[in-house]
Amino acid sequence: AVLISLVEMDKLDAWIAVVIICREFAVTGLRQIALLE
C-alpha cells in the first residue's frame, strides 16, 4: 500500500514497486505451500 502510494506521488519508480510487491507475494505463496506440507 505504501509503495503504491509513493509511486502515485512520483517519489518512487513504478518498476521498483512492482519488483518488491511481486517478490513479497511470491515468497508468501511459497510459505503457504510449505504450510500445506
PDB file of all heavy atoms in Angstrom:
ATOM      1  N   ALA A   1       0.824  -1.204   0.000  1.00  0.00           N
ATOM      2  CA  ALA A   1       0.000   0.000   0.000  1.00  0.00           C
ATOM      3  C   ALA A   1       0.860   1.256   0.000  1.00  0.00           C
ATOM      4  O   ALA A   1       0.582   2.212  -0.738  1.00  0.00           O
ATOM      5  CB  ALA A   1      -0.936  -0.007   1.211  1.00  0.00           C
ATOM      6  N   VAL A   2       1.909   1.256   0.816  1.00  0.00           N
ATOM      7  CA  VAL A   2       2.774   2.438   0.894  1.00  0.00           C
ATOM      8  C   VAL A   2       3.568   2.619  -0.399  1.00  0.00           C
ATOM      9  O   VAL A   2       3.711   3.740  -0.898  1.00  0.00           O
ATOM     10  CB  VAL A   2       3.724   2.338   2.101  1.00  0.00           C
ATOM     11  CG1 VAL A   2       4.702   3.502   2.101  1.00  0.00           C
ATOM     12  CG2 VAL A   2       2.927   2.334   3.403  1.00  0.00           C
ATOM     13  N   LEU A   3       4.067   1.535  -0.970  1.00  0.00           N
ATOM     14  CA  LEU A   3       4.822   1.630  -2.219  1.00  0.00           C
ATOM     15  C   LEU A   3       3.954   2.179  -3.343  1.00  0.00           C
ATOM     16  O   LEU A   3       4.388   3.035  -4.126  1.00  0.00           O
ATOM     17  CB  LEU A   3       5.387   0.259  -2.605  1.00  0.00           C
ATOM     18  CG  LEU A   3       6.490  -0.308  -1.712  1.00  0.00           C
ATOM     19  CD1 LEU A   3       6.927  -1.671  -2.231  1.00  0.00           C
ATOM     20  CD2 LEU A   3       7.670   0.638  -1.639  1.00  0.00           C
ATOM     21  N   ILE A   4       2.714   1.700  -3.448  1.00  0.00           N
ATOM     22  CA  ILE A   4       1.798   2.184  -4.476  1.00  0.00           C
ATOM     23  C   ILE A   4       1.515   3.673  -4.270  1.00  0.00           C
ATOM     24  O   ILE A   4       1.463   4.453  -5.232  1.00  0.00           O
ATOM     25  CB  ILE A   4       0.491   1.367  -4.461  1.00  0.00           C
ATOM     26  CG1 ILE A   4       0.775  -0.070  -4.905  1.00  0.00           C
ATOM     27  CG2 ILE A   4      -0.567   2.007  -5.361  1.00  0.00           C
ATOM     28  CD1 ILE A   4      -0.400  -1.015  -4.726  1.00  0.00           C
ATOM     29  N   SER A   5       1.361   4.076  -3.022  1.00  0.00           N
ATOM     30  CA  SER A   5       1.120   5.493  -2.723  1.00  0.00           C
ATOM     31  C   SER A   5       2.320   6.342  -3.116  1.00  0.00           C
ATOM     32  O   SER A   5       2.168   7.438  -3.678  1.00  0.00           O
ATOM     33  CB  SER A   5       0.830   5.672  -1.228  1.00  0.00           C
ATOM     34  OG  SER A   5      -0.326   4.954  -0.840  1.00  0.00           O
ATOM     35  N   LEU A   6       3.526   5.844  -2.854  1.00  0.00           N
ATOM     36  CA  LEU A   6       4.738   6.587  -3.198  1.00  0.00           C
ATOM     37  C   LEU A   6       4.910   6.706  -4.713  1.00  0.00           C
ATOM     38  O   LEU A   6       5.403   7.724  -5.211  1.00  0.00           O
ATOM     39  CB  LEU A   6       5.962   5.915  -2.572  1.00  0.00           C
ATOM     40  CG  LEU A   6       6.050   6.002  -1.044  1.00  0.00           C
ATOM     41  CD1 LEU A   6       7.188   5.137  -0.516  1.00  0.00           C
ATOM     42  CD2 LEU A   6       6.254   7.455  -0.592  1.00  0.00           C
ATOM     43  N   VAL A   7       4.498   5.678  -5.451  1.00  0.00           N
ATOM     44  CA  VAL A   7       4.530   5.746  -6.916  1.00  0.00           C
ATOM     45  C   VAL A   7       3.552   6.813  -7.400  1.00  0.00           C
ATOM     46  O   VAL A   7       3.864   7.616  -8.289  1.00  0.00           O
ATOM     47  CB  VAL A   7       4.188   4.376  -7.536  1.00  0.00           C
ATOM     48  CG1 VAL A   7       3.990   4.514  -9.051  1.00  0.00           C
ATOM     49  CG2 VAL A   7       5.285   3.364  -7.244  1.00  0.00           C
ATOM     50  N   GLU A   8       2.365   6.843  -6.812  1.00  0.00           N
ATOM     51  CA  GLU A   8       1.354   7.841  -7.167  1.00  0.00           C
ATOM     52  C   GLU A   8       1.863   9.253  -6.896  1.00  0.00           C
ATOM     53  O   GLU A   8       1.534  10.195  -7.623  1.00  0.00           O
ATOM     54  CB  GLU A   8       0.073   7.570  -6.367  1.00  0.00           C
ATOM     55  CG  GLU A   8      -1.022   8.604  -6.545  1.00  0.00           C
ATOM     56  CD  GLU A   8      -1.588   8.635  -7.952  1.00  0.00           C
ATOM     57  OE1 GLU A   8      -1.434   7.639  -8.694  1.00  0.00           O
ATOM     58  OE2 GLU A   8      -2.178   9.669  -8.330  1.00  0.00           O
ATOM     59  N   MET A   9       2.710   9.393  -5.869  1.00  0.00           N
ATOM     60  CA  MET A   9       3.257  10.704  -5.508  1.00  0.00           C
ATOM     61  C   MET A   9       4.517  11.046  -6.304  1.00  0.00           C
ATOM     62  O   MET A   9       5.150  12.069  -6.071  1.00  0.00           O
ATOM     63  CB  MET A   9       3.591  10.725  -4.013  1.00  0.00           C
ATOM     64  CG  MET A   9       2.385  10.531  -3.105  1.00  0.00           C
ATOM     65  SD  MET A   9       2.870  10.247  -1.374  1.00  0.00           S
ATOM     66  CE  MET A   9       3.602  11.850  -0.961  1.00  0.00           C
ATOM     67  N   ASP A  10       4.905  10.178  -7.242  1.00  0.00           N
ATOM     68  CA  ASP A  10       6.113  10.345  -8.058  1.00  0.00           C
ATOM     69  C   ASP A  10       7.385  10.384  -7.201  1.00  0.00           C
ATOM     70  O   ASP A  10       8.362  11.048  -7.555  1.00  0.00           O
ATOM     71  CB  ASP A  10       6.025  11.627  -8.897  1.00  0.00           C
ATOM     72  CG  ASP A  10       4.969  11.530  -9.986  1.00  0.00           C
ATOM     73  OD1 ASP A  10       4.776  10.417 -10.522  1.00  0.00           O
ATOM     74  OD2 ASP A  10       4.335  12.550 -10.288  1.00  0.00           O
ATOM     75  N   LYS A  11       7.378   9.646  -6.113  1.00  0.00           N
ATOM     76  CA  LYS A  11       8.559   9.572  -5.259  1.00  0.00           C
ATOM     77  C   LYS A  11       9.320   8.258  -5.444  1.00  0.00           C
ATOM     78  O   LYS A  11      10.432   8.101  -4.945  1.00  0.00           O
ATOM     79  CB  LYS A  11       8.167   9.733  -3.788  1.00  0.00           C
ATOM     80  CG  LYS A  11       7.689  11.134  -3.430  1.00  0.00           C
ATOM     81  CD  LYS A  11       7.409  11.267  -1.945  1.00  0.00           C
ATOM     82  CE  LYS A  11       7.077  12.704  -1.598  1.00  0.00           C
ATOM     83  NZ  LYS A  11       8.227  13.622  -1.852  1.00  0.00           N
ATOM     84  N   LEU A  12       8.710   7.317  -6.152  1.00  0.00           N
ATOM     85  CA  LEU A  12       9.331   6.010  -6.349  1.00  0.00           C
ATOM     86  C   LEU A  12       9.034   5.523  -7.758  1.00  0.00           C
ATOM     87  O   LEU A  12       7.895   5.656  -8.242  1.00  0.00           O
ATOM     88  CB  LEU A  12       8.788   5.007  -5.320  1.00  0.00           C
ATOM     89  CG  LEU A  12       9.311   3.578  -5.405  1.00  0.00           C
ATOM     90  CD1 LEU A  12      10.793   3.535  -5.026  1.00  0.00           C
ATOM     91  CD2 LEU A  12       8.510   2.655  -4.496  1.00  0.00           C
ATOM     92  N   ASP A  13      10.068   4.972  -8.419  1.00  0.00           N
ATOM     93  CA  ASP A  13       9.861   4.404  -9.753  1.00  0.00           C
ATOM     94  C   ASP A  13       8.926   3.205  -9.664  1.00  0.00           C
ATOM     95  O   ASP A  13       9.064   2.352  -8.778  1.00  0.00           O
ATOM     96  CB  ASP A  13      11.197   3.973 -10.363  1.00  0.00           C
ATOM     97  CG  ASP A  13      12.069   5.158 -10.722  1.00  0.00           C
ATOM     98  OD1 ASP A  13      11.520   6.249 -10.926  1.00  0.00           O
ATOM     99  OD2 ASP A  13      13.303   4.993 -10.783  1.00  0.00           O
ATOM    100  N   ALA A  14       7.988   3.124 -10.603  1.00  0.00           N
ATOM    101  CA  ALA A  14       6.983   2.062 -10.568  1.00  0.00           C
ATOM    102  C   ALA A  14       7.612   0.676 -10.641  1.00  0.00           C
ATOM    103  O   ALA A  14       7.140  -0.262  -9.995  1.00  0.00           O
ATOM    104  CB  ALA A  14       5.991   2.258 -11.711  1.00  0.00           C
ATOM    105  N   TRP A  15       8.704   0.539 -11.415  1.00  0.00           N
ATOM    106  CA  TRP A  15       9.290  -0.791 -11.584  1.00  0.00           C
ATOM    107  C   TRP A  15       9.849  -1.324 -10.268  1.00  0.00           C
ATOM    108  O   TRP A  15       9.809  -2.548 -10.022  1.00  0.00           O
ATOM    109  CB  TRP A  15      10.381  -0.775 -12.669  1.00  0.00           C
ATOM    110  CG  TRP A  15      11.656  -0.081 -12.291  1.00  0.00           C
ATOM    111  CD1 TRP A  15      11.968   1.228 -12.518  1.00  0.00           C
ATOM    112  CD2 TRP A  15      12.788  -0.650 -11.628  1.00  0.00           C
ATOM    113  NE1 TRP A  15      13.231   1.503 -12.036  1.00  0.00           N
ATOM    114  CE2 TRP A  15      13.761   0.374 -11.482  1.00  0.00           C
ATOM    115  CE3 TRP A  15      13.077  -1.923 -11.140  1.00  0.00           C
ATOM    116  CZ2 TRP A  15      14.988   0.157 -10.879  1.00  0.00           C
ATOM    117  CZ3 TRP A  15      14.302  -2.148 -10.522  1.00  0.00           C
ATOM    118  CH2 TRP A  15      15.246  -1.114 -10.397  1.00  0.00           C
ATOM    119  N   ILE A  16      10.354  -0.437  -9.423  1.00  0.00           N
ATOM    120  CA  ILE A  16      10.872  -0.882  -8.126  1.00  0.00           C
ATOM    121  C   ILE A  16       9.723  -1.400  -7.263  1.00  0.00           C
ATOM    122  O   ILE A  16       9.830  -2.443  -6.607  1.00  0.00           O
ATOM    123  CB  ILE A  16      11.613   0.263  -7.409  1.00  0.00           C
ATOM    124  CG1 ILE A  16      12.881   0.629  -8.183  1.00  0.00           C
ATOM    125  CG2 ILE A  16      11.959  -0.137  -5.977  1.00  0.00           C
ATOM    126  CD1 ILE A  16      13.684   1.755  -7.546  1.00  0.00           C
ATOM    127  N   ALA A  17       8.606  -0.675  -7.282  1.00  0.00           N
ATOM    128  CA  ALA A  17       7.439  -1.113  -6.515  1.00  0.00           C
ATOM    129  C   ALA A  17       6.935  -2.462  -7.017  1.00  0.00           C
ATOM    130  O   ALA A  17       6.607  -3.350  -6.219  1.00  0.00           O
ATOM    131  CB  ALA A  17       6.329  -0.072  -6.600  1.00  0.00           C
ATOM    132  N   VAL A  18       6.887  -2.639  -8.334  1.00  0.00           N
ATOM    133  CA  VAL A  18       6.406  -3.897  -8.915  1.00  0.00           C
ATOM    134  C   VAL A  18       7.318  -5.048  -8.522  1.00  0.00           C
ATOM    135  O   VAL A  18       6.849  -6.133  -8.136  1.00  0.00           O
ATOM    136  CB  VAL A  18       6.312  -3.781 -10.451  1.00  0.00           C
ATOM    137  CG1 VAL A  18       6.051  -5.155 -11.073  1.00  0.00           C
ATOM    138  CG2 VAL A  18       5.210  -2.807 -10.845  1.00  0.00           C
ATOM    139  N   VAL A  19       8.621  -4.840  -8.609  1.00  0.00           N
ATOM    140  CA  VAL A  19       9.590  -5.890  -8.248  1.00  0.00           C
ATOM    141  C   VAL A  19       9.413  -6.308  -6.790  1.00  0.00           C
ATOM    142  O   VAL A  19       9.361  -7.501  -6.469  1.00  0.00           O
ATOM    143  CB  VAL A  19      11.035  -5.399  -8.501  1.00  0.00           C
ATOM    144  CG1 VAL A  19      12.044  -6.328  -7.808  1.00  0.00           C
ATOM    145  CG2 VAL A  19      11.322  -5.335  -9.986  1.00  0.00           C
ATOM    146  N   ILE A  20       9.318  -5.327  -5.901  1.00  0.00           N
ATOM    147  CA  ILE A  20       9.203  -5.628  -4.477  1.00  0.00           C
ATOM    148  C   ILE A  20       7.895  -6.336  -4.165  1.00  0.00           C
ATOM    149  O   ILE A  20       7.867  -7.352  -3.454  1.00  0.00           O
ATOM    150  CB  ILE A  20       9.326  -4.342  -3.641  1.00  0.00           C
ATOM    151  CG1 ILE A  20      10.744  -3.772  -3.747  1.00  0.00           C
ATOM    152  CG2 ILE A  20       8.968  -4.602  -2.180  1.00  0.00           C
ATOM    153  CD1 ILE A  20      10.945  -2.446  -3.027  1.00  0.00           C
ATOM    154  N   ILE A  21       6.785  -5.825  -4.714  1.00  0.00           N
ATOM    155  CA  ILE A  21       5.480  -6.424  -4.435  1.00  0.00           C
ATOM    156  C   ILE A  21       5.387  -7.839  -4.981  1.00  0.00           C
ATOM    157  O   ILE A  21       4.889  -8.757  -4.306  1.00  0.00           O
ATOM    158  CB  ILE A  21       4.353  -5.539  -5.010  1.00  0.00           C
ATOM    159  CG1 ILE A  21       4.286  -4.213  -4.249  1.00  0.00           C
ATOM    160  CG2 ILE A  21       3.005  -6.254  -4.934  1.00  0.00           C
ATOM    161  CD1 ILE A  21       3.335  -3.193  -4.855  1.00  0.00           C
ATOM    162  N   CYS A  22       5.879  -8.055  -6.194  1.00  0.00           N
ATOM    163  CA  CYS A  22       5.855  -9.403  -6.790  1.00  0.00           C
ATOM    164  C   CYS A  22       6.667 -10.384  -5.955  1.00  0.00           C
ATOM    165  O   CYS A  22       6.237 -11.517  -5.712  1.00  0.00           O
ATOM    166  CB  CYS A  22       6.374  -9.361  -8.222  1.00  0.00           C
ATOM    167  SG  CYS A  22       5.239  -8.605  -9.398  1.00  0.00           S
ATOM    168  N   ARG A  23       7.825  -9.949  -5.500  1.00  0.00           N
ATOM    169  CA  ARG A  23       8.661 -10.823  -4.671  1.00  0.00           C
ATOM    170  C   ARG A  23       7.953 -11.175  -3.377  1.00  0.00           C
ATOM    171  O   ARG A  23       7.963 -12.330  -2.937  1.00  0.00           O
ATOM    172  CB  ARG A  23       9.998 -10.132  -4.391  1.00  0.00           C
ATOM    173  CG  ARG A  23      10.955 -10.961  -3.523  1.00  0.00           C
ATOM    174  CD  ARG A  23      10.733 -10.688  -2.049  1.00  0.00           C
ATOM    175  NE  ARG A  23      11.659 -11.407  -1.188  1.00  0.00           N
ATOM    176  CZ  ARG A  23      11.422 -11.656   0.089  1.00  0.00           C
ATOM    177  NH1 ARG A  23      10.283 -11.268   0.642  1.00  0.00           N
ATOM    178  NH2 ARG A  23      12.306 -12.298   0.822  1.00  0.00           N
ATOM    179  N   GLU A  24       7.329 -10.173  -2.748  1.00  0.00           N
ATOM    180  CA  GLU A  24       6.672 -10.397  -1.466  1.00  0.00           C
ATOM    181  C   GLU A  24       5.578 -11.449  -1.580  1.00  0.00           C
ATOM    182  O   GLU A  24       5.487 -12.360  -0.760  1.00  0.00           O
ATOM    183  CB  GLU A  24       6.095  -9.084  -0.929  1.00  0.00           C
ATOM    184  CG  GLU A  24       7.125  -8.023  -0.609  1.00  0.00           C
ATOM    185  CD  GLU A  24       8.073  -8.432   0.505  1.00  0.00           C
ATOM    186  OE1 GLU A  24       7.758  -9.374   1.248  1.00  0.00           O
ATOM    187  OE2 GLU A  24       9.142  -7.817   0.620  1.00  0.00           O
ATOM    188  N   PHE A  25       4.744 -11.317  -2.600  1.00  0.00           N
ATOM    189  CA  PHE A  25       3.644 -12.266  -2.734  1.00  0.00           C
ATOM    190  C   PHE A  25       4.114 -13.624  -3.239  1.00  0.00           C
ATOM    191  O   PHE A  25       3.495 -14.648  -2.933  1.00  0.00           O
ATOM    192  CB  PHE A  25       2.568 -11.680  -3.646  1.00  0.00           C
ATOM    193  CG  PHE A  25       1.721 -10.644  -2.954  1.00  0.00           C
ATOM    194  CD1 PHE A  25       1.973  -9.292  -3.122  1.00  0.00           C
ATOM    195  CD2 PHE A  25       0.692 -11.026  -2.110  1.00  0.00           C
ATOM    196  CE1 PHE A  25       1.207  -8.332  -2.463  1.00  0.00           C
ATOM    197  CE2 PHE A  25      -0.078 -10.080  -1.449  1.00  0.00           C
ATOM    198  CZ  PHE A  25       0.176  -8.727  -1.617  1.00  0.00           C
ATOM    199  N   ALA A  26       5.204 -13.651  -3.993  1.00  0.00           N
ATOM    200  CA  ALA A  26       5.760 -14.931  -4.431  1.00  0.00           C
ATOM    201  C   ALA A  26       6.271 -15.727  -3.233  1.00  0.00           C
ATOM    202  O   ALA A  26       6.014 -16.935  -3.109  1.00  0.00           O
ATOM    203  CB  ALA A  26       6.883 -14.701  -5.442  1.00  0.00           C
ATOM    204  N   VAL A  27       6.996 -15.073  -2.344  1.00  0.00           N
ATOM    205  CA  VAL A  27       7.518 -15.749  -1.153  1.00  0.00           C
ATOM    206  C   VAL A  27       6.376 -16.134  -0.217  1.00  0.00           C
ATOM    207  O   VAL A  27       6.405 -17.197   0.412  1.00  0.00           O
ATOM    208  CB  VAL A  27       8.549 -14.861  -0.421  1.00  0.00           C
ATOM    209  CG1 VAL A  27       8.954 -15.479   0.914  1.00  0.00           C
ATOM    210  CG2 VAL A  27       9.780 -14.657  -1.292  1.00  0.00           C
ATOM    211  N   THR A  28       5.350 -15.293  -0.134  1.00  0.00           N
ATOM    212  CA  THR A  28       4.181 -15.637   0.677  1.00  0.00           C
ATOM    213  C   THR A  28       3.521 -16.901   0.141  1.00  0.00           C
ATOM    214  O   THR A  28       3.111 -17.784   0.910  1.00  0.00           O
ATOM    215  CB  THR A  28       3.161 -14.481   0.680  1.00  0.00           C
ATOM    216  OG1 THR A  28       3.765 -13.329   1.277  1.00  0.00           O
ATOM    217  CG2 THR A  28       1.922 -14.863   1.469  1.00  0.00           C
ATOM    218  N   GLY A  29       3.426 -17.008  -1.177  1.00  0.00           N
ATOM    219  CA  GLY A  29       2.880 -18.221  -1.789  1.00  0.00           C
ATOM    220  C   GLY A  29       3.719 -19.443  -1.454  1.00  0.00           C
ATOM    221  O   GLY A  29       3.185 -20.522  -1.170  1.00  0.00           O
ATOM    222  N   LEU A  30       5.040 -19.275  -1.481  1.00  0.00           N
ATOM    223  CA  LEU A  30       5.937 -20.380  -1.131  1.00  0.00           C
ATOM    224  C   LEU A  30       5.728 -20.806   0.320  1.00  0.00           C
ATOM    225  O   LEU A  30       5.725 -22.004   0.638  1.00  0.00           O
ATOM    226  CB  LEU A  30       7.391 -19.949  -1.351  1.00  0.00           C
ATOM    227  CG  LEU A  30       8.464 -21.013  -1.075  1.00  0.00           C
ATOM    228  CD1 LEU A  30       8.320 -22.177  -2.048  1.00  0.00           C
ATOM    229  CD2 LEU A  30       9.860 -20.394  -1.190  1.00  0.00           C
ATOM    230  N   ARG A  31       5.534 -19.837   1.198  1.00  0.00           N
ATOM    231  CA  ARG A  31       5.284 -20.153   2.614  1.00  0.00           C
ATOM    232  C   ARG A  31       3.977 -20.923   2.789  1.00  0.00           C
ATOM    233  O   ARG A  31       3.883 -21.826   3.628  1.00  0.00           O
ATOM    234  CB  ARG A  31       5.244 -18.867   3.447  1.00  0.00           C
ATOM    235  CG  ARG A  31       6.590 -18.177   3.597  1.00  0.00           C
ATOM    236  CD  ARG A  31       6.468 -16.967   4.515  1.00  0.00           C
ATOM    237  NE  ARG A  31       7.685 -16.214   4.598  1.00  0.00           N
ATOM    238  CZ  ARG A  31       8.708 -16.514   5.397  1.00  0.00           C
ATOM    239  NH1 ARG A  31       8.633 -17.571   6.185  1.00  0.00           N
ATOM    240  NH2 ARG A  31       9.797 -15.767   5.410  1.00  0.00           N
ATOM    241  N   GLN A  32       2.959 -20.556   2.003  1.00  0.00           N
ATOM    242  CA  GLN A  32       1.686 -21.253   2.091  1.00  0.00           C
ATOM    243  C   GLN A  32       1.821 -22.698   1.613  1.00  0.00           C
ATOM    244  O   GLN A  32       1.208 -23.611   2.185  1.00  0.00           O
ATOM    245  CB  GLN A  32       0.623 -20.520   1.262  1.00  0.00           C
ATOM    246  CG  GLN A  32       0.312 -19.122   1.751  1.00  0.00           C
ATOM    247  CD  GLN A  32      -0.083 -19.072   3.215  1.00  0.00           C
ATOM    248  OE1 GLN A  32      -0.900 -19.859   3.676  1.00  0.00           O
ATOM    249  NE2 GLN A  32       0.499 -18.141   3.954  1.00  0.00           N
ATOM    250  N   ILE A  33       2.615 -22.907   0.574  1.00  0.00           N
ATOM    251  CA  ILE A  33       2.878 -24.270   0.108  1.00  0.00           C
ATOM    252  C   ILE A  33       3.571 -25.066   1.209  1.00  0.00           C
ATOM    253  O   ILE A  33       3.247 -26.240   1.460  1.00  0.00           O
ATOM    254  CB  ILE A  33       3.751 -24.251  -1.171  1.00  0.00           C
ATOM    255  CG1 ILE A  33       2.972 -23.626  -2.328  1.00  0.00           C
ATOM    256  CG2 ILE A  33       4.201 -25.663  -1.537  1.00  0.00           C
ATOM    257  CD1 ILE A  33       3.800 -23.439  -3.594  1.00  0.00           C
ATOM    258  N   ALA A  34       4.517 -24.434   1.893  1.00  0.00           N
ATOM    259  CA  ALA A  34       5.221 -25.102   2.982  1.00  0.00           C
ATOM    260  C   ALA A  34       4.263 -25.487   4.104  1.00  0.00           C
ATOM    261  O   ALA A  34       4.363 -26.585   4.675  1.00  0.00           O
ATOM    262  CB  ALA A  34       6.333 -24.206   3.516  1.00  0.00           C
ATOM    263  N   LEU A  35       3.322 -24.592   4.425  1.00  0.00           N
ATOM    264  CA  LEU A  35       2.350 -24.886   5.478  1.00  0.00           C
ATOM    265  C   LEU A  35       1.492 -26.091   5.119  1.00  0.00           C
ATOM    266  O   LEU A  35       1.141 -26.899   5.983  1.00  0.00           O
ATOM    267  CB  LEU A  35       1.460 -23.664   5.737  1.00  0.00           C
ATOM    268  CG  LEU A  35       2.108 -22.496   6.482  1.00  0.00           C
ATOM    269  CD1 LEU A  35       1.132 -21.333   6.594  1.00  0.00           C
ATOM    270  CD2 LEU A  35       2.566 -22.929   7.875  1.00  0.00           C
ATOM    271  N   LEU A  36       1.149 -26.211   3.836  1.00  0.00           N
ATOM    272  CA  LEU A  36       0.374 -27.365   3.394  1.00  0.00           C
ATOM    273  C   LEU A  36       1.155 -28.657   3.571  1.00  0.00           C
ATOM    274  O   LEU A  36       0.568 -29.737   3.738  1.00  0.00           O
ATOM    275  CB  LEU A  36      -0.031 -27.202   1.918  1.00  0.00           C
ATOM    276  CG  LEU A  36      -1.026 -26.068   1.611  1.00  0.00           C
ATOM    277  CD1 LEU A  36      -1.244 -25.957   0.106  1.00  0.00           C
ATOM    278  CD2 LEU A  36      -2.348 -26.309   2.322  1.00  0.00           C
ATOM    279  N   GLU A  37       2.472 -28.539   3.546  1.00  0.00           N
ATOM    280  CA  GLU A  37       3.345 -29.704   3.754  1.00  0.00           C
ATOM    281  C   GLU A  37       3.755 -29.834   5.216  1.00  0.00           C
ATOM    282  O   GLU A  37       4.665 -30.597   5.538  1.00  0.00           O
ATOM    283  CB  GLU A  37       4.601 -29.565   2.872  1.00  0.00           C
ATOM    284  CG  GLU A  37       4.328 -29.500   1.382  1.00  0.00           C
ATOM    285  CD  GLU A  37       3.843 -30.821   0.821  1.00  0.00           C
ATOM    286  OE1 GLU A  37       4.150 -31.873   1.437  1.00  0.00           O
ATOM    287  OE2 GLU A  37       3.157 -30.811  -0.220  1.00  0.00           O
TER     288      GLU A  37
END
